[in-house]
């Protein structure tokens, strides 16, 4: 199921929950209160699923970036020319800092 579909479904259940709560307030019939809790719980669960999927995607992207940094570090380690090694280290450090700032993990200096 697509993220947009899940968000729409969560909105649908939230709208049902809101209507049920209003009906309960107006009538006092407990069935509306039970329906409100059920629909509210479904809406919350769906929103949590969307949030978890977003966090999982961000985690995967982070792992890919870290693997890239590791490969570059291994290349630096295997380089025997000191000037080339120094240039590669500076480039790697700059890229790590830039990525950290982009992800909100660091600050501008």
N, C-alpha and C. Protein backbone atom coordinates (compact mmCIF):
# COMPACT_ATOMS: atom_id res chain seq x y z
N UNK A 1 0.84 -1.17 0.00
CA UNK A 1 0.00 0.00 0.00
C UNK A 1 0.89 1.24 0.00
N UNK A 2 0.52 2.23 -0.79
CA UNK A 2 1.31 3.45 -0.88
C UNK A 2 1.09 4.32 0.36
N UNK A 3 2.10 5.14 0.64
CA UNK A 3 2.05 6.03 1.79
C UNK A 3 0.82 6.94 1.72
N UNK A 4 0.56 7.49 0.54
CA UNK A 4 -0.57 8.40 0.37
C UNK A 4 -1.90 7.70 0.68
N UNK A 5 -2.01 6.44 0.29
CA UNK A 5 -3.22 5.67 0.55
C UNK A 5 -3.41 5.44 2.05
N UNK A 6 -2.32 5.17 2.74
CA UNK A 6 -2.40 4.95 4.19
C UNK A 6 -2.79 6.24 4.90
N UNK A 7 -2.22 7.37 4.44
CA UNK A 7 -2.57 8.66 5.04
C UNK A 7 -4.05 8.96 4.82
N UNK A 8 -4.56 8.70 3.62
CA UNK A 8 -5.99 8.90 3.33
C UNK A 8 -6.85 8.02 4.22
N UNK A 9 -6.44 6.77 4.38
CA UNK A 9 -7.19 5.84 5.22
C UNK A 9 -7.20 6.30 6.68
N UNK A 10 -6.07 6.79 7.15
CA UNK A 10 -6.00 7.32 8.52
C UNK A 10 -6.93 8.51 8.68
N UNK A 11 -6.98 9.38 7.67
CA UNK A 11 -7.89 10.54 7.71
C UNK A 11 -9.35 10.09 7.73
N UNK A 12 -9.63 9.05 6.97
CA UNK A 12 -11.01 8.51 6.93
C UNK A 12 -11.43 8.00 8.31
N UNK A 13 -10.54 7.23 8.94
CA UNK A 13 -10.87 6.71 10.27
C UNK A 13 -10.93 7.82 11.32
N UNK A 14 -10.09 8.85 11.16
CA UNK A 14 -10.13 9.97 12.08
C UNK A 14 -11.45 10.72 11.94
N UNK A 15 -11.92 10.89 10.70
CA UNK A 15 -13.19 11.57 10.47
C UNK A 15 -14.34 10.77 11.09
N UNK A 16 -14.29 9.44 10.94
CA UNK A 16 -15.31 8.59 11.57
C UNK A 16 -15.26 8.73 13.09
N UNK A 17 -14.05 8.74 13.64
CA UNK A 17 -13.90 8.86 15.09
C UNK A 17 -14.46 10.20 15.56
N UNK A 18 -14.17 11.27 14.83
CA UNK A 18 -14.68 12.58 15.21
C UNK A 18 -16.21 12.62 15.18
N UNK A 19 -16.79 12.01 14.15
CA UNK A 19 -18.26 11.96 14.06
C UNK A 19 -18.85 11.13 15.20
N UNK A 20 -18.22 9.99 15.48
CA UNK A 20 -18.70 9.14 16.57
C UNK A 20 -18.64 9.88 17.91
N UNK A 21 -17.57 10.62 18.13
CA UNK A 21 -17.45 11.36 19.38
C UNK A 21 -18.54 12.43 19.48
N UNK A 22 -18.77 13.11 18.38
CA UNK A 22 -19.82 14.13 18.35
C UNK A 22 -21.19 13.50 18.61
N UNK A 23 -21.44 12.36 17.97
CA UNK A 23 -22.72 11.65 18.18
C UNK A 23 -22.86 11.20 19.63
N UNK A 24 -21.75 10.75 20.23
CA UNK A 24 -21.80 10.34 21.63
C UNK A 24 -22.09 11.55 22.53
N UNK A 25 -21.46 12.67 22.24
CA UNK A 25 -21.69 13.88 23.03
C UNK A 25 -23.15 14.32 22.94
N UNK A 26 -23.73 14.17 21.75
CA UNK A 26 -25.12 14.62 21.55
C UNK A 26 -26.15 13.64 22.11
N UNK A 27 -25.85 12.34 22.03
CA UNK A 27 -26.86 11.36 22.41
C UNK A 27 -26.57 10.62 23.72
N UNK A 28 -25.30 10.47 24.06
CA UNK A 28 -24.94 9.73 25.26
C UNK A 28 -24.97 8.21 25.05
N UNK A 29 -25.20 7.76 23.84
CA UNK A 29 -25.26 6.32 23.54
C UNK A 29 -23.83 5.77 23.53
N UNK A 30 -23.62 4.73 24.35
CA UNK A 30 -22.27 4.19 24.53
C UNK A 30 -21.70 3.55 23.27
N UNK A 31 -22.55 3.08 22.38
CA UNK A 31 -22.07 2.46 21.14
C UNK A 31 -21.22 3.47 20.34
N UNK A 32 -21.62 4.73 20.36
CA UNK A 32 -20.83 5.75 19.66
C UNK A 32 -19.47 5.92 20.32
N UNK A 33 -19.42 5.81 21.64
CA UNK A 33 -18.14 5.94 22.35
C UNK A 33 -17.22 4.77 22.00
N UNK A 34 -17.76 3.56 21.94
CA UNK A 34 -16.95 2.39 21.56
C UNK A 34 -16.43 2.54 20.13
N UNK A 35 -17.32 2.99 19.25
CA UNK A 35 -16.94 3.19 17.85
C UNK A 35 -15.88 4.29 17.74
N UNK A 36 -16.02 5.33 18.54
CA UNK A 36 -15.03 6.41 18.55
C UNK A 36 -13.65 5.86 18.92
N UNK A 37 -13.56 5.09 19.99
CA UNK A 37 -12.27 4.55 20.43
C UNK A 37 -11.67 3.62 19.38
N UNK A 38 -12.49 2.79 18.78
CA UNK A 38 -12.00 1.85 17.76
C UNK A 38 -11.43 2.62 16.55
N UNK A 39 -12.19 3.59 16.04
CA UNK A 39 -11.75 4.35 14.87
C UNK A 39 -10.55 5.24 15.18
N UNK A 40 -10.53 5.81 16.37
CA UNK A 40 -9.39 6.63 16.78
C UNK A 40 -8.13 5.78 16.87
N UNK A 41 -8.24 4.58 17.43
CA UNK A 41 -7.10 3.68 17.54
C UNK A 41 -6.58 3.27 16.16
N UNK A 42 -7.49 3.01 15.23
CA UNK A 42 -7.08 2.65 13.87
C UNK A 42 -6.36 3.82 13.20
N UNK A 43 -6.87 5.02 13.36
CA UNK A 43 -6.24 6.19 12.76
C UNK A 43 -4.83 6.40 13.33
N UNK A 44 -4.69 6.26 14.62
CA UNK A 44 -3.38 6.42 15.26
C UNK A 44 -2.41 5.34 14.77
N UNK A 45 -2.87 4.11 14.70
CA UNK A 45 -2.02 3.01 14.25
C UNK A 45 -1.54 3.23 12.80
N UNK A 46 -2.43 3.70 11.96
CA UNK A 46 -2.05 3.96 10.56
C UNK A 46 -1.03 5.10 10.47
N UNK A 47 -1.22 6.15 11.26
CA UNK A 47 -0.24 7.25 11.25
C UNK A 47 1.11 6.77 11.78
N UNK A 48 1.09 5.90 12.77
CA UNK A 48 2.34 5.34 13.30
C UNK A 48 3.05 4.50 12.25
N UNK A 49 2.28 3.75 11.45
CA UNK A 49 2.87 2.92 10.40
C UNK A 49 3.56 3.78 9.35
N UNK A 50 2.94 4.89 8.99
CA UNK A 50 3.55 5.81 8.02
C UNK A 50 4.85 6.38 8.59
N UNK A 51 4.81 6.79 9.84
CA UNK A 51 6.00 7.34 10.49
C UNK A 51 7.11 6.30 10.57
N UNK A 52 6.77 5.08 10.89
CA UNK A 52 7.78 4.02 10.99
C UNK A 52 8.40 3.75 9.62
N UNK A 53 7.60 3.78 8.56
CA UNK A 53 8.13 3.56 7.21
C UNK A 53 9.10 4.68 6.83
N UNK A 54 8.77 5.91 7.18
CA UNK A 54 9.67 7.04 6.89
C UNK A 54 10.98 6.90 7.64
N UNK A 55 10.91 6.51 8.90
CA UNK A 55 12.13 6.34 9.69
C UNK A 55 12.98 5.19 9.15
N UNK A 56 12.33 4.14 8.68
CA UNK A 56 13.05 3.00 8.12
C UNK A 56 13.79 3.42 6.85
N UNK A 57 13.15 4.20 6.00
CA UNK A 57 13.80 4.68 4.77
C UNK A 57 15.00 5.56 5.10
N UNK A 58 14.87 6.41 6.11
CA UNK A 58 15.97 7.28 6.51
C UNK A 58 17.13 6.44 7.05
N UNK A 59 16.81 5.38 7.78
CA UNK A 59 17.84 4.49 8.32
C UNK A 59 18.59 3.78 7.19
N UNK A 60 17.87 3.33 6.19
CA UNK A 60 18.50 2.66 5.05
C UNK A 60 19.43 3.64 4.32
N UNK A 61 18.97 4.86 4.11
CA UNK A 61 19.80 5.87 3.44
C UNK A 61 21.07 6.15 4.24
N UNK A 62 20.95 6.20 5.57
CA UNK A 62 22.11 6.43 6.42
C UNK A 62 23.11 5.27 6.30
N UNK A 63 22.61 4.04 6.29
CA UNK A 63 23.50 2.88 6.16
C UNK A 63 24.25 2.90 4.82
N UNK A 64 23.55 3.28 3.77
CA UNK A 64 24.19 3.35 2.45
C UNK A 64 25.29 4.40 2.45
N UNK A 65 25.01 5.56 3.03
CA UNK A 65 26.00 6.63 3.08
C UNK A 65 27.21 6.21 3.92
N UNK A 66 26.97 5.55 5.04
CA UNK A 66 28.08 5.09 5.88
C UNK A 66 28.92 4.04 5.14
N UNK A 67 28.29 3.19 4.36
CA UNK A 67 29.04 2.20 3.57
C UNK A 67 29.93 2.89 2.54
N UNK A 68 29.41 3.96 1.95
CA UNK A 68 30.20 4.74 1.00
C UNK A 68 31.41 5.37 1.70
N UNK A 69 31.18 5.96 2.86
CA UNK A 69 32.30 6.55 3.62
C UNK A 69 33.33 5.49 4.00
N UNK A 70 32.87 4.30 4.37
CA UNK A 70 33.78 3.23 4.75
C UNK A 70 34.63 2.79 3.56
N UNK A 71 34.02 2.68 2.39
CA UNK A 71 34.78 2.29 1.20
C UNK A 71 35.86 3.32 0.88
N UNK A 72 35.51 4.58 1.00
CA UNK A 72 36.49 5.63 0.75
C UNK A 72 37.62 5.57 1.78
N UNK A 73 37.28 5.31 3.03
CA UNK A 73 38.30 5.20 4.08
C UNK A 73 39.23 4.01 3.80
N UNK A 74 38.68 2.92 3.31
CA UNK A 74 39.51 1.75 2.98
C UNK A 74 40.46 2.07 1.82
N UNK A 75 39.97 2.83 0.83
CA UNK A 75 40.83 3.24 -0.27
C UNK A 75 41.98 4.12 0.24
N UNK A 76 41.65 5.01 1.17
CA UNK A 76 42.68 5.88 1.75
C UNK A 76 43.73 5.05 2.47
N UNK A 77 43.25 4.07 3.22
CA UNK A 77 44.15 3.21 4.00
C UNK A 77 45.10 2.43 3.09
N UNK A 78 44.64 2.06 1.92
CA UNK A 78 45.48 1.26 1.03
C UNK A 78 46.36 2.11 0.11
N UNK A 79 46.19 3.42 0.13
CA UNK A 79 47.01 4.31 -0.70
C UNK A 79 48.38 4.52 -0.05
N UNK A 80 49.40 4.42 -0.85
CA UNK A 80 50.76 4.54 -0.30
C UNK A 80 51.36 5.92 -0.54
N UNK A 81 50.81 6.70 -1.44
CA UNK A 81 51.36 8.04 -1.73
C UNK A 81 50.79 9.02 -0.71
N UNK A 82 51.68 9.61 0.10
CA UNK A 82 51.25 10.46 1.22
C UNK A 82 50.46 11.69 0.78
N UNK A 83 50.89 12.37 -0.30
CA UNK A 83 50.17 13.55 -0.76
C UNK A 83 48.75 13.18 -1.19
N UNK A 84 48.64 12.09 -1.94
CA UNK A 84 47.32 11.61 -2.40
C UNK A 84 46.46 11.21 -1.20
N UNK A 85 47.05 10.55 -0.22
CA UNK A 85 46.34 10.13 0.99
C UNK A 85 45.81 11.35 1.74
N UNK A 86 46.65 12.36 1.88
CA UNK A 86 46.25 13.58 2.59
C UNK A 86 45.07 14.27 1.88
N UNK A 87 45.12 14.35 0.56
CA UNK A 87 44.04 14.96 -0.21
C UNK A 87 42.74 14.17 -0.05
N UNK A 88 42.84 12.85 -0.08
CA UNK A 88 41.66 11.99 0.06
C UNK A 88 41.05 12.11 1.46
N UNK A 89 41.90 12.21 2.47
CA UNK A 89 41.41 12.36 3.86
C UNK A 89 40.66 13.67 4.00
N UNK A 90 41.22 14.76 3.48
CA UNK A 90 40.55 16.06 3.56
C UNK A 90 39.19 16.02 2.86
N UNK A 91 39.15 15.39 1.69
CA UNK A 91 37.90 15.29 0.94
C UNK A 91 36.85 14.48 1.71
N UNK A 92 37.29 13.36 2.32
CA UNK A 92 36.37 12.54 3.09
C UNK A 92 35.84 13.30 4.30
N UNK A 93 36.70 14.00 4.99
CA UNK A 93 36.27 14.78 6.16
C UNK A 93 35.26 15.84 5.75
N UNK A 94 35.53 16.55 4.67
CA UNK A 94 34.59 17.58 4.18
C UNK A 94 33.23 16.97 3.85
N UNK A 95 33.25 15.81 3.19
CA UNK A 95 31.98 15.16 2.82
C UNK A 95 31.21 14.67 4.05
N UNK A 96 31.92 14.15 5.03
CA UNK A 96 31.26 13.71 6.27
C UNK A 96 30.63 14.89 6.98
N UNK A 97 31.36 15.99 7.08
CA UNK A 97 30.82 17.19 7.72
C UNK A 97 29.62 17.74 6.97
N UNK A 98 29.71 17.77 5.65
CA UNK A 98 28.60 18.27 4.83
C UNK A 98 27.36 17.40 5.01
N UNK A 99 27.55 16.09 4.98
CA UNK A 99 26.42 15.18 5.16
C UNK A 99 25.81 15.33 6.55
N UNK A 100 26.66 15.47 7.55
CA UNK A 100 26.17 15.64 8.92
C UNK A 100 25.32 16.90 9.05
N UNK A 101 25.78 17.98 8.45
CA UNK A 101 25.01 19.22 8.50
C UNK A 101 23.68 19.08 7.76
N UNK A 102 23.74 18.42 6.61
CA UNK A 102 22.53 18.20 5.81
C UNK A 102 21.48 17.42 6.60
N UNK A 103 21.94 16.47 7.40
CA UNK A 103 21.03 15.64 8.21
C UNK A 103 20.70 16.27 9.57
N UNK A 104 21.23 17.48 9.80
CA UNK A 104 20.94 18.17 11.05
C UNK A 104 21.73 17.64 12.23
N UNK A 105 22.83 16.96 11.96
CA UNK A 105 23.64 16.37 13.03
C UNK A 105 24.79 17.24 13.45
N UNK A 106 25.14 18.21 12.64
CA UNK A 106 26.26 19.09 12.95
C UNK A 106 25.84 20.53 12.81
N UNK A 107 26.77 21.41 13.02
CA UNK A 107 26.45 22.82 12.89
C UNK A 107 27.53 23.49 12.05
N UNK A 108 27.15 24.61 11.45
CA UNK A 108 28.10 25.38 10.66
C UNK A 108 29.15 25.97 11.59
N UNK A 109 30.39 26.00 11.11
CA UNK A 109 31.46 26.60 11.93
C UNK A 109 31.96 27.86 11.29
